[in-house]
């Protein structure tokens, strides 16, 4: 099972790459050793691109957002002093 493919390898084994993506494992494709693309299943693509038309707060509270690493603390700095 691959999860990273060089472009030529991905072209030669495209059906295998697709089968693994459908199986739930994102497949990364590189060009000259640098990340170029990720192939995911249609189901995963739909989940990732589904637009939530609700409130921003509802979106931020979704479990897949990973709010643990978001800093909501407000900076209390009032800015710089202006001398007129």
N, C-alpha and C. Protein backbone atom coordinates (compact mmCIF):
# COMPACT_ATOMS: atom_id res chain seq x y z
N UNK A 1 0.83 -1.19 0.00
CA UNK A 1 0.00 0.00 0.00
C UNK A 1 0.87 1.25 0.00
N UNK A 2 0.61 2.12 -0.93
CA UNK A 2 1.32 3.39 -1.00
C UNK A 2 0.47 4.48 -0.36
N UNK A 3 1.12 5.54 0.01
CA UNK A 3 0.39 6.75 0.36
C UNK A 3 1.05 7.93 -0.33
N UNK A 4 2.25 7.70 -0.88
CA UNK A 4 2.94 8.75 -1.64
C UNK A 4 3.47 8.16 -2.93
N UNK A 5 3.21 8.85 -4.02
CA UNK A 5 3.57 8.36 -5.35
C UNK A 5 4.35 9.44 -6.10
N UNK A 6 5.37 9.03 -6.84
CA UNK A 6 6.00 9.93 -7.80
C UNK A 6 5.06 10.01 -9.00
N UNK A 7 5.05 11.11 -9.70
CA UNK A 7 4.10 11.33 -10.79
C UNK A 7 4.10 10.18 -11.80
N UNK A 8 5.26 9.77 -12.26
CA UNK A 8 5.33 8.69 -13.25
C UNK A 8 4.74 7.40 -12.70
N UNK A 9 5.05 7.11 -11.45
CA UNK A 9 4.51 5.91 -10.79
C UNK A 9 2.99 6.01 -10.66
N UNK A 10 2.49 7.21 -10.34
CA UNK A 10 1.04 7.41 -10.22
C UNK A 10 0.35 7.21 -11.57
N UNK A 11 0.97 7.69 -12.64
CA UNK A 11 0.39 7.51 -13.97
C UNK A 11 0.36 6.04 -14.36
N UNK A 12 1.43 5.32 -14.06
CA UNK A 12 1.51 3.91 -14.43
C UNK A 12 0.57 3.03 -13.60
N UNK A 13 0.27 3.44 -12.38
CA UNK A 13 -0.57 2.63 -11.48
C UNK A 13 -1.80 3.40 -11.04
N UNK A 14 -2.38 4.16 -11.97
CA UNK A 14 -3.49 5.04 -11.61
C UNK A 14 -4.67 4.30 -10.98
N UNK A 15 -5.02 3.15 -11.51
CA UNK A 15 -6.16 2.41 -10.95
C UNK A 15 -5.90 1.99 -9.51
N UNK A 16 -4.68 1.60 -9.21
CA UNK A 16 -4.33 1.24 -7.83
C UNK A 16 -4.39 2.47 -6.92
N UNK A 17 -3.89 3.59 -7.41
CA UNK A 17 -3.94 4.85 -6.65
C UNK A 17 -5.39 5.19 -6.31
N UNK A 18 -6.28 5.07 -7.29
CA UNK A 18 -7.70 5.38 -7.07
C UNK A 18 -8.32 4.41 -6.07
N UNK A 19 -8.02 3.13 -6.19
CA UNK A 19 -8.57 2.14 -5.25
C UNK A 19 -8.16 2.45 -3.82
N UNK A 20 -6.92 2.87 -3.62
CA UNK A 20 -6.46 3.19 -2.28
C UNK A 20 -7.11 4.47 -1.76
N UNK A 21 -7.33 5.44 -2.63
CA UNK A 21 -8.03 6.66 -2.22
C UNK A 21 -9.48 6.34 -1.84
N UNK A 22 -10.13 5.50 -2.62
CA UNK A 22 -11.50 5.09 -2.32
C UNK A 22 -11.55 4.34 -0.99
N UNK A 23 -10.49 3.61 -0.69
CA UNK A 23 -10.40 2.87 0.56
C UNK A 23 -10.21 3.75 1.79
N UNK A 24 -10.10 5.05 1.58
CA UNK A 24 -10.03 5.97 2.71
C UNK A 24 -8.64 6.51 3.02
N UNK A 25 -7.67 6.16 2.20
CA UNK A 25 -6.30 6.62 2.44
C UNK A 25 -5.93 7.69 1.41
N UNK A 26 -5.80 8.95 1.81
CA UNK A 26 -5.41 9.99 0.85
C UNK A 26 -4.07 9.63 0.20
N UNK A 27 -3.98 9.86 -1.10
CA UNK A 27 -2.79 9.51 -1.86
C UNK A 27 -2.08 10.79 -2.32
N UNK A 28 -0.84 10.95 -1.90
CA UNK A 28 -0.06 12.14 -2.25
C UNK A 28 0.78 11.86 -3.49
N UNK A 29 0.78 12.82 -4.41
CA UNK A 29 1.56 12.70 -5.64
C UNK A 29 2.63 13.79 -5.62
N UNK A 30 3.87 13.40 -5.91
CA UNK A 30 4.98 14.35 -5.92
C UNK A 30 5.51 14.53 -7.34
N UNK A 31 6.06 15.71 -7.59
CA UNK A 31 6.73 16.00 -8.85
C UNK A 31 8.13 16.50 -8.48
N UNK A 32 9.13 15.80 -8.93
CA UNK A 32 10.52 16.11 -8.59
C UNK A 32 10.72 16.16 -7.08
N UNK A 33 10.05 15.25 -6.38
CA UNK A 33 10.21 15.14 -4.93
C UNK A 33 9.44 16.14 -4.10
N UNK A 34 8.69 17.01 -4.75
CA UNK A 34 7.92 18.02 -4.03
C UNK A 34 6.44 17.71 -4.11
N UNK A 35 5.68 17.90 -3.03
CA UNK A 35 4.24 17.63 -3.04
C UNK A 35 3.55 18.42 -4.15
N UNK A 36 2.70 17.73 -4.92
CA UNK A 36 2.00 18.38 -6.03
C UNK A 36 0.49 18.25 -5.93
N UNK A 37 0.01 17.10 -5.45
CA UNK A 37 -1.43 16.87 -5.42
C UNK A 37 -1.75 15.79 -4.40
N UNK A 38 -3.02 15.79 -3.99
CA UNK A 38 -3.52 14.74 -3.11
C UNK A 38 -4.80 14.21 -3.73
N UNK A 39 -4.91 12.91 -3.84
CA UNK A 39 -6.10 12.27 -4.39
C UNK A 39 -6.89 11.69 -3.23
N UNK A 40 -8.16 12.09 -3.13
CA UNK A 40 -9.05 11.56 -2.10
C UNK A 40 -10.30 11.01 -2.78
N UNK A 41 -11.05 10.21 -2.05
CA UNK A 41 -12.29 9.66 -2.60
C UNK A 41 -13.30 10.78 -2.84
N UNK A 42 -14.26 10.51 -3.70
CA UNK A 42 -15.32 11.49 -3.97
C UNK A 42 -16.10 11.78 -2.68
N UNK A 43 -16.31 10.76 -1.87
CA UNK A 43 -17.03 10.94 -0.60
C UNK A 43 -16.27 11.89 0.33
N UNK A 44 -14.96 11.71 0.43
CA UNK A 44 -14.15 12.59 1.27
C UNK A 44 -14.11 14.01 0.71
N UNK A 45 -14.04 14.13 -0.61
CA UNK A 45 -14.05 15.45 -1.24
C UNK A 45 -15.35 16.19 -0.91
N UNK A 46 -16.48 15.48 -1.02
CA UNK A 46 -17.76 16.09 -0.71
C UNK A 46 -17.82 16.54 0.75
N UNK A 47 -17.29 15.71 1.64
CA UNK A 47 -17.29 16.07 3.06
C UNK A 47 -16.43 17.31 3.31
N UNK A 48 -15.31 17.39 2.64
CA UNK A 48 -14.40 18.51 2.84
C UNK A 48 -14.91 19.81 2.23
N UNK A 49 -15.67 19.71 1.15
CA UNK A 49 -16.13 20.92 0.46
C UNK A 49 -17.56 21.31 0.80
N UNK A 50 -18.23 20.52 1.60
CA UNK A 50 -19.61 20.81 1.98
C UNK A 50 -19.65 22.15 2.71
N UNK A 51 -20.49 23.03 2.27
CA UNK A 51 -20.59 24.35 2.88
C UNK A 51 -21.65 24.34 3.97
N UNK A 52 -21.24 24.84 5.13
CA UNK A 52 -22.16 24.97 6.24
C UNK A 52 -22.79 26.35 6.18
N UNK A 53 -24.09 26.42 5.95
CA UNK A 53 -24.76 27.70 5.81
C UNK A 53 -25.26 28.23 7.14
N UNK A 54 -24.81 27.60 8.23
CA UNK A 54 -25.21 28.05 9.55
C UNK A 54 -24.33 29.19 10.03
N UNK A 55 -24.37 29.40 11.32
CA UNK A 55 -23.59 30.47 11.92
C UNK A 55 -22.12 30.10 12.00
N UNK A 56 -21.26 31.11 12.05
CA UNK A 56 -19.83 30.89 12.19
C UNK A 56 -19.54 30.11 13.47
N UNK A 57 -20.24 30.43 14.54
CA UNK A 57 -19.99 29.74 15.81
C UNK A 57 -20.28 28.24 15.67
N UNK A 58 -21.30 27.88 14.92
CA UNK A 58 -21.63 26.47 14.73
C UNK A 58 -20.52 25.77 13.94
N UNK A 59 -19.97 26.46 12.97
CA UNK A 59 -18.88 25.90 12.18
C UNK A 59 -17.65 25.69 13.04
N UNK A 60 -17.32 26.68 13.86
CA UNK A 60 -16.12 26.59 14.70
C UNK A 60 -16.25 25.50 15.76
N UNK A 61 -17.47 25.15 16.12
CA UNK A 61 -17.68 24.13 17.15
C UNK A 61 -17.72 22.71 16.59
N UNK A 62 -17.66 22.57 15.27
CA UNK A 62 -17.66 21.22 14.69
C UNK A 62 -16.41 20.48 15.12
N UNK A 63 -16.53 19.20 15.45
CA UNK A 63 -15.38 18.44 15.97
C UNK A 63 -14.19 18.38 15.03
N UNK A 64 -14.43 18.33 13.71
CA UNK A 64 -13.30 18.19 12.79
C UNK A 64 -12.51 19.48 12.61
N UNK A 65 -13.00 20.59 13.13
CA UNK A 65 -12.27 21.85 13.04
C UNK A 65 -11.02 21.80 13.91
N UNK A 66 -11.08 21.10 15.04
CA UNK A 66 -9.92 20.99 15.91
C UNK A 66 -9.67 22.27 16.67
N UNK A 67 -10.66 22.77 17.36
CA UNK A 67 -10.57 24.04 18.07
C UNK A 67 -9.53 24.10 19.16
N UNK A 68 -8.92 22.97 19.51
CA UNK A 68 -7.91 22.97 20.58
C UNK A 68 -6.72 23.86 20.24
N UNK A 69 -6.41 23.98 18.95
CA UNK A 69 -5.23 24.75 18.58
C UNK A 69 -5.57 26.17 18.10
N UNK A 70 -6.82 26.59 18.24
CA UNK A 70 -7.21 27.94 17.85
C UNK A 70 -7.19 28.82 19.10
N UNK A 71 -6.52 29.95 19.00
CA UNK A 71 -6.41 30.88 20.13
C UNK A 71 -7.48 31.96 19.96
N UNK A 72 -8.48 31.96 20.83
CA UNK A 72 -9.55 32.94 20.76
C UNK A 72 -9.32 34.12 21.70
N UNK A 73 -8.18 34.14 22.39
CA UNK A 73 -7.92 35.22 23.32
C UNK A 73 -7.66 36.51 22.56
N UNK A 74 -8.23 37.59 23.06
CA UNK A 74 -8.13 38.88 22.41
C UNK A 74 -6.94 39.66 22.94
N UNK A 75 -6.21 40.31 22.05
CA UNK A 75 -5.07 41.14 22.44
C UNK A 75 -5.61 42.41 23.09
N UNK A 76 -5.16 42.72 24.27
CA UNK A 76 -5.65 43.89 25.01
C UNK A 76 -4.83 45.15 24.73
N UNK A 77 -3.88 45.06 23.81
CA UNK A 77 -3.08 46.22 23.45
C UNK A 77 -3.99 47.26 22.80
N UNK A 78 -3.91 48.51 23.27
CA UNK A 78 -4.80 49.56 22.75
C UNK A 78 -4.18 50.28 21.56
N UNK A 79 -3.06 49.83 21.09
CA UNK A 79 -2.43 50.47 19.95
C UNK A 79 -1.36 51.45 20.40
N UNK A 80 -0.91 52.23 19.49
CA UNK A 80 0.15 53.19 19.83
C UNK A 80 -0.44 54.54 20.23
N UNK A 81 0.33 55.31 20.97
CA UNK A 81 -0.09 56.65 21.38
C UNK A 81 0.12 57.59 20.21
N UNK A 82 -0.84 58.44 19.99
CA UNK A 82 -0.74 59.45 18.93
C UNK A 82 -0.50 60.81 19.55
N UNK A 83 0.59 61.43 19.18
CA UNK A 83 0.87 62.77 19.68
C UNK A 83 0.49 63.74 18.56
N UNK A 84 -0.47 64.58 18.83
CA UNK A 84 -0.93 65.54 17.81
C UNK A 84 -0.37 66.91 18.06
